[in-house]
Amino acid sequence: MTQIQWGLDCYTGLPEVDRQHQQLFALINRLSDVKLRDPEMLEQTFAELRDYVRDHFALEEQLMAEANVDATHYVQHRAAHAGFVARLNQLWQNYSDRSEAAADQLLEFLTNWLRHHILHTDQSMALEIHTRMGSEAPHNMFSHF
C-alpha cells in the first residue's frame, strides 16, 4: 500500500534534495508495507529512515549555509528539522507496544509532516537558494509546457 507519492509539486530544483526526497517517500512507503506484517523489517526500515533523515537534513542545512540564506530562515528550518526528529523518536517509542494504532499514528505523522515540509519549508528554502545562487527557480522550470 502506497502511503505517499512524490510528484512534480514536490520538486525543488535542487537535484540532490529532490533525489533524497524521493528516497524518503520510498522509505515511508516501505514502512507502511511492513508495519504489522514484519516487525523486524519494520525496525530495520525505521532505523534506515532515521539515518537517512539525519543525512538529508544535514544536506539541506549545508546547502542553506553555502548559499548564505537568511539567518532567520536557516534557524527556523533547523528548528523544524529538530522538532521532526524529536517527534519521530517519540512516536517510535509509542510504537514499542506494536499496536496498529501506534503504527498508523507514526505513518500519518511521517506522511503529513514530510509533504507539508517539502511543499512549504523546503520549496521556500529552494527558492531562496536559487535566488542567491543565480539559478533558475523551480516554478520557472516548467513554464515552457
Protein backbone atom coordinates (compact mmCIF):
# COMPACT_ATOMS: atom_id res chain seq x y z
CA MET A 1 0.00 0.00 0.00
CA THR A 2 1.42 3.40 -1.01
CA GLN A 3 1.21 5.98 1.76
CA ILE A 4 2.77 8.96 -0.03
CA GLN A 5 3.59 9.76 -3.64
CA TRP A 6 6.33 12.10 -4.86
CA GLY A 7 5.25 14.34 -7.71
CA LEU A 8 6.26 17.50 -9.52
CA ASP A 9 4.52 19.53 -6.82
CA CYS A 10 7.35 18.37 -4.53
CA TYR A 11 10.08 19.48 -6.94
CA THR A 12 12.64 21.93 -5.53
CA GLY A 13 15.04 22.12 -8.47
CA LEU A 14 17.88 21.08 -6.17
CA PRO A 15 18.82 17.70 -7.69
CA GLU A 16 20.24 16.00 -4.61
CA VAL A 17 17.43 17.29 -2.39
CA ASP A 18 14.82 16.04 -4.86
CA ARG A 19 16.53 12.65 -5.15
CA GLN A 20 16.64 12.32 -1.38
CA HIS A 21 13.01 13.38 -1.03
CA GLN A 22 12.04 10.61 -3.43
CA GLN A 23 14.03 8.14 -1.34
CA LEU A 24 12.33 9.37 1.84
CA PHE A 25 8.94 8.78 0.23
CA ALA A 26 10.06 5.25 -0.71
CA LEU A 27 11.16 4.56 2.87
CA ILE A 28 7.83 5.76 4.27
CA ASN A 29 6.00 3.56 1.79
CA ARG A 30 8.16 0.61 2.82
CA LEU A 31 7.29 1.30 6.47
CA SER A 32 3.64 1.24 5.51
CA ASP A 33 4.05 -2.04 3.64
CA VAL A 34 5.70 -3.85 6.55
CA LYS A 35 4.10 -2.06 9.50
CA LEU A 36 2.47 -5.07 11.12
CA ARG A 37 3.47 -7.99 8.94
CA ASP A 38 7.18 -7.99 9.73
CA PRO A 39 8.26 -6.28 12.98
CA GLU A 40 11.94 -6.99 12.33
CA MET A 41 11.80 -5.43 8.86
CA LEU A 42 9.85 -2.51 10.30
CA GLU A 43 12.59 -1.83 12.85
CA GLN A 44 15.27 -2.12 10.17
CA THR A 45 13.38 0.23 7.84
CA PHE A 46 12.73 2.70 10.65
CA ALA A 47 16.46 2.73 11.52
CA GLU A 48 17.25 3.33 7.85
CA LEU A 49 14.69 6.14 7.72
CA ARG A 50 16.07 7.76 10.87
CA ASP A 51 19.62 7.67 9.48
CA TYR A 52 18.50 8.89 6.07
CA VAL A 53 16.57 11.78 7.62
CA ARG A 54 19.63 12.81 9.61
CA ASP A 55 21.78 12.84 6.46
CA HIS A 56 19.10 14.59 4.43
CA PHE A 57 18.62 17.33 6.99
CA ALA A 58 22.39 17.80 7.14
CA LEU A 59 22.45 18.24 3.34
CA GLU A 60 19.68 20.84 3.41
CA GLU A 61 21.40 22.74 6.22
CA GLN A 62 24.72 22.62 4.35
CA LEU A 63 23.11 23.95 1.17
CA MET A 64 21.48 26.78 3.11
CA ALA A 65 24.79 27.67 4.77
CA GLU A 66 26.67 27.57 1.45
CA ALA A 67 24.07 29.82 -0.19
CA ASN A 68 24.13 32.13 2.82
CA VAL A 69 20.34 32.09 3.17
CA ASP A 70 18.68 34.50 5.54
CA ALA A 71 19.69 33.63 9.11
CA THR A 72 16.09 33.64 10.36
CA HIS A 73 15.06 31.20 7.65
CA TYR A 74 18.05 28.98 8.43
CA VAL A 75 17.29 28.91 12.17
CA GLN A 76 13.59 28.18 11.60
CA HIS A 77 14.39 25.41 9.13
CA ARG A 78 16.85 23.78 11.54
CA ALA A 79 14.27 24.04 14.33
CA ALA A 80 11.70 22.31 12.10
CA HIS A 81 14.21 19.52 11.50
CA ALA A 82 14.95 19.16 15.21
CA GLY A 83 11.24 19.10 16.02
CA PHE A 84 10.68 16.41 13.43
CA VAL A 85 13.43 14.20 14.84
CA ALA A 86 12.13 14.62 18.39
CA ARG A 87 8.55 13.76 17.39
CA LEU A 88 9.71 10.85 15.23
CA ASN A 89 11.62 9.37 18.15
CA GLN A 90 8.65 9.89 20.47
CA LEU A 91 6.29 8.14 18.06
CA TRP A 92 8.72 5.26 17.65
CA GLN A 93 8.80 4.85 21.43
CA ASN A 94 4.99 4.76 21.40
CA TYR A 95 5.19 2.00 18.81
CA SER A 96 7.11 -0.24 21.21
CA ASP A 97 3.81 -1.91 22.11
CA ARG A 98 3.44 -2.95 18.43
CA SER A 99 -0.12 -1.67 18.22
CA GLU A 100 -1.73 -0.90 14.91
CA ALA A 101 -2.91 2.46 16.24
CA ALA A 102 0.66 3.49 17.13
CA ALA A 103 1.91 2.34 13.71
CA ASP A 104 -0.85 4.31 11.98
CA GLN A 105 -0.04 7.40 14.06
CA LEU A 106 3.64 7.13 13.10
CA LEU A 107 2.84 6.78 9.41
CA GLU A 108 0.29 9.60 9.49
CA PHE A 109 2.84 11.90 11.10
CA LEU A 110 5.55 10.97 8.58
CA THR A 111 3.25 11.41 5.61
CA ASN A 112 1.72 14.71 6.69
CA TRP A 113 4.89 16.29 8.04
CA LEU A 114 7.10 15.39 5.09
CA ARG A 115 4.59 16.50 2.49
CA HIS A 116 3.91 19.80 4.30
CA HIS A 117 7.62 20.38 4.94
CA ILE A 118 8.55 19.83 1.29
CA LEU A 119 5.65 21.83 -0.16
CA HIS A 120 6.24 24.81 2.10
CA THR A 121 9.51 24.93 4.01
CA ASP A 122 11.77 23.15 1.51
CA GLN A 123 10.35 24.92 -1.51
CA SER A 124 10.83 28.24 0.25
CA MET A 125 14.41 27.18 1.05
CA ALA A 126 14.98 26.15 -2.57
CA LEU A 127 13.62 29.43 -3.92
CA GLU A 128 15.97 31.38 -1.67
CA ILE A 129 18.93 29.17 -2.63
CA HIS A 130 18.13 29.54 -6.34
CA THR A 131 17.80 33.30 -5.94
CA ARG A 132 21.07 33.64 -4.05
CA MET A 133 22.94 31.31 -6.41
CA GLY A 134 21.53 32.94 -9.55
CA SER A 135 19.99 29.70 -10.82
CA GLU A 136 16.54 29.16 -12.27
CA ALA A 137 13.84 28.87 -9.61
CA PRO A 138 11.73 25.69 -9.66
CA HIS A 139 8.48 27.47 -10.53
CA ASN A 140 10.06 28.72 -13.77
CA MET A 141 11.45 25.37 -14.85
CA PHE A 142 8.17 24.08 -16.28
CA SER A 143 6.91 27.31 -17.84
CA HIS A 144 7.53 26.03 -21.38
CA PHE A 145 4.96 23.21 -21.01
